[in-house]
N, C-alpha and C. Protein backbone atom coordinates (compact mmCIF):
# COMPACT_ATOMS: atom_id res chain seq x y z
N MET A 1 -4.10 -50.22 8.95
CA MET A 1 -5.18 -50.77 9.17
C MET A 1 -5.98 -50.94 8.07
N TYR A 2 -6.19 -51.91 8.36
CA TYR A 2 -7.39 -52.56 6.71
C TYR A 2 -8.42 -52.90 6.88
N LEU A 3 -9.62 -52.78 6.32
CA LEU A 3 -11.07 -53.07 6.25
C LEU A 3 -11.28 -53.73 4.92
N PRO A 4 -11.40 -55.17 5.49
CA PRO A 4 -11.89 -56.15 3.83
C PRO A 4 -13.36 -56.05 3.72
N GLY A 5 -13.32 -55.95 2.44
CA GLY A 5 -15.34 -55.52 2.06
C GLY A 5 -15.73 -57.27 2.46
N GLY A 6 -17.26 -56.75 1.34
CA GLY A 6 -18.19 -57.83 1.87
C GLY A 6 -18.78 -57.04 2.28
N HIS A 7 -20.35 -57.64 2.35
CA HIS A 7 -21.50 -56.96 2.63
C HIS A 7 -21.51 -56.59 3.95
N GLY A 8 -20.85 -57.59 4.93
CA GLY A 8 -20.28 -57.01 6.26
C GLY A 8 -20.42 -55.66 6.68
N PRO A 9 -19.36 -55.18 6.35
CA PRO A 9 -19.37 -53.34 6.86
C PRO A 9 -20.06 -52.51 6.78
N MET A 10 -20.75 -53.09 5.21
CA MET A 10 -22.42 -52.41 4.96
C MET A 10 -23.42 -52.29 5.88
N SER A 11 -24.03 -53.63 6.55
CA SER A 11 -24.49 -53.64 7.50
C SER A 11 -23.84 -53.17 9.18
N ASP A 12 -22.62 -53.47 9.85
CA ASP A 12 -22.56 -53.07 10.63
C ASP A 12 -21.73 -51.66 11.02
N LEU A 13 -20.42 -51.89 10.23
CA LEU A 13 -19.76 -50.58 10.79
C LEU A 13 -20.00 -49.91 9.90
N ALA A 14 -20.80 -49.18 8.84
CA ALA A 14 -21.17 -48.57 8.32
C ALA A 14 -22.11 -47.30 9.91
N PHE A 15 -22.84 -48.27 10.97
CA PHE A 15 -23.20 -47.35 11.94
C PHE A 15 -22.67 -47.74 13.28
N ASP A 16 -21.61 -48.27 13.38
CA ASP A 16 -20.54 -48.65 14.33
C ASP A 16 -19.31 -47.35 14.86
N ALA A 17 -20.43 -46.71 16.18
CA ALA A 17 -19.43 -45.81 16.64
C ALA A 17 -17.88 -45.82 16.93
N ASP A 18 -18.09 -47.04 17.17
CA ASP A 18 -17.10 -47.23 17.56
C ASP A 18 -15.47 -47.74 16.06
N ALA A 19 -15.92 -48.45 15.32
CA ALA A 19 -15.38 -48.15 13.69
C ALA A 19 -14.53 -46.62 13.27
N GLY A 20 -16.16 -45.76 13.83
CA GLY A 20 -15.66 -44.55 12.94
C GLY A 20 -14.78 -43.77 14.09
N ARG A 21 -14.69 -43.61 15.24
CA ARG A 21 -13.36 -43.18 15.95
C ARG A 21 -12.18 -43.78 15.47
N LEU A 22 -11.77 -45.39 15.54
CA LEU A 22 -10.96 -46.05 14.86
C LEU A 22 -10.84 -45.79 13.62
N LEU A 23 -11.23 -45.58 12.53
CA LEU A 23 -11.40 -44.61 11.28
C LEU A 23 -10.70 -43.05 11.48
N THR A 24 -11.62 -42.26 12.02
CA THR A 24 -10.87 -41.25 12.20
C THR A 24 -9.41 -40.64 13.04
N ALA A 25 -9.09 -41.91 14.02
CA ALA A 25 -7.91 -41.61 14.58
C ALA A 25 -6.59 -42.25 13.18
N GLN A 26 -7.45 -43.16 12.39
CA GLN A 26 -6.08 -44.00 11.69
C GLN A 26 -6.06 -42.22 10.64
N LEU A 27 -6.77 -42.03 10.30
CA LEU A 27 -7.16 -41.32 9.07
C LEU A 27 -5.75 -39.88 10.23
N ALA A 28 -5.89 -39.31 10.94
CA ALA A 28 -5.58 -38.59 11.35
C ALA A 28 -4.17 -38.58 12.21
N SER A 29 -4.07 -39.77 12.31
CA SER A 29 -2.09 -40.40 12.25
C SER A 29 -0.96 -40.76 11.05
N GLY A 30 -1.64 -40.15 10.33
CA GLY A 30 -1.03 -40.29 8.85
C GLY A 30 -0.62 -41.01 8.33
N LYS A 31 -1.07 -42.57 9.37
CA LYS A 31 -0.52 -44.20 8.91
C LYS A 31 -1.71 -44.73 7.85
N PRO A 32 -0.70 -45.61 7.00
CA PRO A 32 -1.45 -46.15 6.02
C PRO A 32 -3.51 -46.54 6.35
N LEU A 33 -4.18 -46.60 5.15
CA LEU A 33 -5.10 -47.25 5.73
C LEU A 33 -5.97 -47.37 4.33
N ALA A 34 -6.11 -48.65 4.80
CA ALA A 34 -6.96 -49.41 3.15
C ALA A 34 -8.15 -49.94 3.47
N ILE A 35 -9.26 -49.99 2.67
CA ILE A 35 -10.40 -49.63 2.46
C ILE A 35 -10.95 -50.22 1.68
N VAL A 36 -11.24 -51.75 1.57
CA VAL A 36 -11.36 -52.30 0.61
C VAL A 36 -13.09 -52.57 -0.07
N CYS A 37 -13.22 -52.48 -1.58
CA CYS A 37 -14.61 -53.15 -1.71
C CYS A 37 -15.96 -52.36 -1.44
N HIS A 38 -16.23 -53.22 -0.40
CA HIS A 38 -17.55 -51.97 0.48
C HIS A 38 -17.35 -52.05 1.17
N ALA A 39 -16.57 -52.04 1.85
CA ALA A 39 -15.95 -51.13 3.33
C ALA A 39 -15.73 -50.03 3.45
N PRO A 40 -15.86 -48.92 2.24
CA PRO A 40 -16.55 -47.33 2.61
C PRO A 40 -17.88 -47.01 2.88
N SER A 41 -18.38 -47.96 3.11
CA SER A 41 -19.36 -47.69 3.66
C SER A 41 -19.46 -47.16 5.13
N ALA A 42 -17.91 -47.69 5.82
CA ALA A 42 -17.88 -47.66 7.48
C ALA A 42 -17.12 -46.07 7.69
N ILE A 43 -17.02 -45.35 6.46
CA ILE A 43 -17.01 -44.16 6.44
C ILE A 43 -17.93 -43.24 7.19
N LEU A 44 -19.34 -43.61 6.84
CA LEU A 44 -20.33 -43.04 7.13
C LEU A 44 -20.16 -42.95 8.95
N ALA A 45 -19.93 -43.72 9.81
CA ALA A 45 -19.54 -43.93 10.73
C ALA A 45 -18.96 -43.07 11.43
N THR A 46 -17.61 -41.83 10.74
CA THR A 46 -17.36 -41.20 10.47
C THR A 46 -17.48 -40.03 11.00
N ARG A 47 -18.58 -39.61 10.66
CA ARG A 47 -19.16 -38.17 10.61
C ARG A 47 -19.75 -37.52 12.47
N ILE A 48 -19.26 -36.39 12.30
CA ILE A 48 -20.07 -35.71 13.37
C ILE A 48 -20.59 -34.81 12.98
N HIS A 49 -21.57 -34.51 13.46
CA HIS A 49 -23.01 -33.12 13.10
C HIS A 49 -22.65 -32.91 11.85
N GLY A 50 -22.88 -34.44 11.21
CA GLY A 50 -22.96 -34.48 10.16
C GLY A 50 -21.68 -34.67 8.97
N GLU A 51 -20.81 -34.15 9.34
CA GLU A 51 -19.74 -33.79 8.26
C GLU A 51 -18.96 -35.20 8.62
N SER A 52 -17.86 -35.38 7.58
CA SER A 52 -16.57 -36.64 8.30
C SER A 52 -15.76 -35.75 7.67
N PRO A 53 -14.76 -36.87 8.03
CA PRO A 53 -13.21 -36.18 7.69
C PRO A 53 -12.71 -36.41 6.87
N PHE A 54 -13.43 -38.02 6.40
CA PHE A 54 -13.17 -38.35 5.10
C PHE A 54 -13.50 -37.03 3.90
N ARG A 55 -14.31 -36.13 4.15
CA ARG A 55 -14.72 -35.14 3.17
C ARG A 55 -13.82 -34.46 2.34
N GLY A 56 -13.77 -34.69 0.80
CA GLY A 56 -13.18 -34.35 0.07
C GLY A 56 -11.81 -35.18 -0.38
N TYR A 57 -11.95 -36.23 -0.02
CA TYR A 57 -10.70 -37.51 -0.26
C TYR A 57 -11.78 -38.40 -1.56
N ARG A 58 -10.75 -38.85 -2.24
CA ARG A 58 -11.52 -40.10 -3.14
C ARG A 58 -11.09 -40.97 -2.93
N VAL A 59 -12.51 -41.46 -3.40
CA VAL A 59 -12.60 -43.15 -2.66
C VAL A 59 -13.47 -43.68 -4.18
N THR A 60 -13.04 -45.25 -3.84
CA THR A 60 -13.46 -46.04 -5.46
C THR A 60 -13.63 -47.08 -4.04
N CYS A 61 -14.93 -47.16 -4.96
CA CYS A 61 -15.39 -48.88 -4.40
C CYS A 61 -16.61 -49.37 -5.18
N PHE A 62 -17.07 -50.58 -4.54
CA PHE A 62 -18.04 -51.55 -5.66
C PHE A 62 -19.08 -50.77 -5.96
N THR A 63 -19.74 -50.23 -7.27
CA THR A 63 -20.61 -49.79 -7.81
C THR A 63 -21.90 -50.69 -7.55
N ASP A 64 -23.16 -49.80 -7.67
CA ASP A 64 -24.63 -50.69 -7.49
C ASP A 64 -24.56 -51.69 -9.45
N GLU A 65 -23.78 -51.15 -10.12
CA GLU A 65 -24.04 -51.51 -10.92
C GLU A 65 -23.27 -53.03 -11.46
N GLU A 66 -22.03 -52.95 -10.60
CA GLU A 66 -21.30 -54.14 -10.21
C GLU A 66 -21.92 -55.14 -9.77
N GLU A 67 -22.62 -54.29 -8.73
CA GLU A 67 -23.63 -55.42 -7.48
C GLU A 67 -24.85 -55.83 -8.82
N GLU A 68 -25.12 -55.33 -8.98
CA GLU A 68 -26.41 -55.54 -10.77
C GLU A 68 -25.13 -56.87 -11.47
N ALA A 69 -24.24 -56.93 -12.03
CA ALA A 69 -23.63 -57.37 -12.94
C ALA A 69 -23.12 -59.07 -12.05
N VAL A 70 -22.88 -58.87 -10.93
CA VAL A 70 -22.66 -59.99 -10.61
C VAL A 70 -24.28 -60.84 -9.76
N GLY A 71 -25.04 -60.06 -9.84
CA GLY A 71 -26.31 -60.72 -9.38
C GLY A 71 -26.49 -60.36 -8.35
N LEU A 72 -25.62 -59.58 -7.40
CA LEU A 72 -25.72 -59.35 -5.77
C LEU A 72 -26.69 -58.46 -5.13
N ALA A 73 -27.25 -57.53 -6.60
CA ALA A 73 -27.46 -55.89 -5.84
C ALA A 73 -28.98 -56.60 -4.95
N SER A 74 -29.80 -57.32 -5.12
CA SER A 74 -30.77 -57.22 -4.26
C SER A 74 -30.06 -58.16 -2.78
N ARG A 75 -29.33 -58.02 -2.43
CA ARG A 75 -28.53 -58.76 -1.18
C ARG A 75 -27.51 -57.90 -0.57
N ALA A 76 -27.88 -56.39 -1.84
CA ALA A 76 -26.60 -55.63 -0.80
C ALA A 76 -27.52 -54.95 0.16
N PRO A 77 -27.26 -54.40 1.31
CA PRO A 77 -27.36 -52.98 2.69
C PRO A 77 -27.93 -52.21 2.05
N ARG A 78 -28.39 -51.07 1.81
CA ARG A 78 -28.50 -49.65 1.83
C ARG A 78 -28.45 -48.62 3.06
N PRO A 79 -27.00 -48.62 3.33
CA PRO A 79 -26.70 -47.99 4.27
C PRO A 79 -27.16 -46.48 4.45
N ALA A 80 -27.59 -46.01 2.44
CA ALA A 80 -27.73 -44.32 2.52
C ALA A 80 -28.89 -44.44 3.38
N ALA A 81 -29.82 -45.10 3.35
CA ALA A 81 -31.14 -44.90 3.70
C ALA A 81 -31.25 -44.69 4.85
N ALA A 82 -29.86 -44.36 5.60
CA ALA A 82 -30.22 -43.90 7.00
C ALA A 82 -29.80 -42.52 6.76
N GLY A 83 -28.95 -41.66 6.03
CA GLY A 83 -28.39 -40.85 5.70
C GLY A 83 -27.96 -40.70 4.34
N GLU A 84 -27.61 -39.54 4.38
CA GLU A 84 -26.37 -39.41 2.87
C GLU A 84 -25.20 -39.81 3.19
N TRP A 85 -24.32 -40.31 1.88
CA TRP A 85 -22.95 -40.03 2.01
C TRP A 85 -22.30 -38.74 1.71
N PRO A 86 -21.19 -38.87 2.66
CA PRO A 86 -20.04 -38.16 2.80
C PRO A 86 -19.98 -37.24 1.39
N ASP A 87 -19.87 -36.40 1.37
CA ASP A 87 -19.63 -36.17 -0.23
C ASP A 87 -17.78 -36.10 -0.31
N ALA A 88 -17.63 -37.20 -1.11
CA ALA A 88 -16.03 -37.75 -1.32
C ALA A 88 -15.50 -37.13 -2.65
N ARG A 89 -16.22 -36.32 -3.21
CA ARG A 89 -16.04 -36.42 -4.49
C ARG A 89 -14.49 -35.40 -4.70
């Protein structure tokens, strides 16, 4: 499964229950999963009772500093406002 980046995933996939179910199923299958750039925000949709199946995984994504460097920080949606990011450290 491949989820492309861009601001779209931050605006919709982060809150889409179907996206959360697909990501959870793909993770459980052991098949490849590529979540690029801003798309890791879709991981928010995998939470069940506050827990994410991605807890403990290392995630790399576009940072706030990178948004600022390219002049897009003011246009970036803030999905974390609806809840905390899963602890993926």
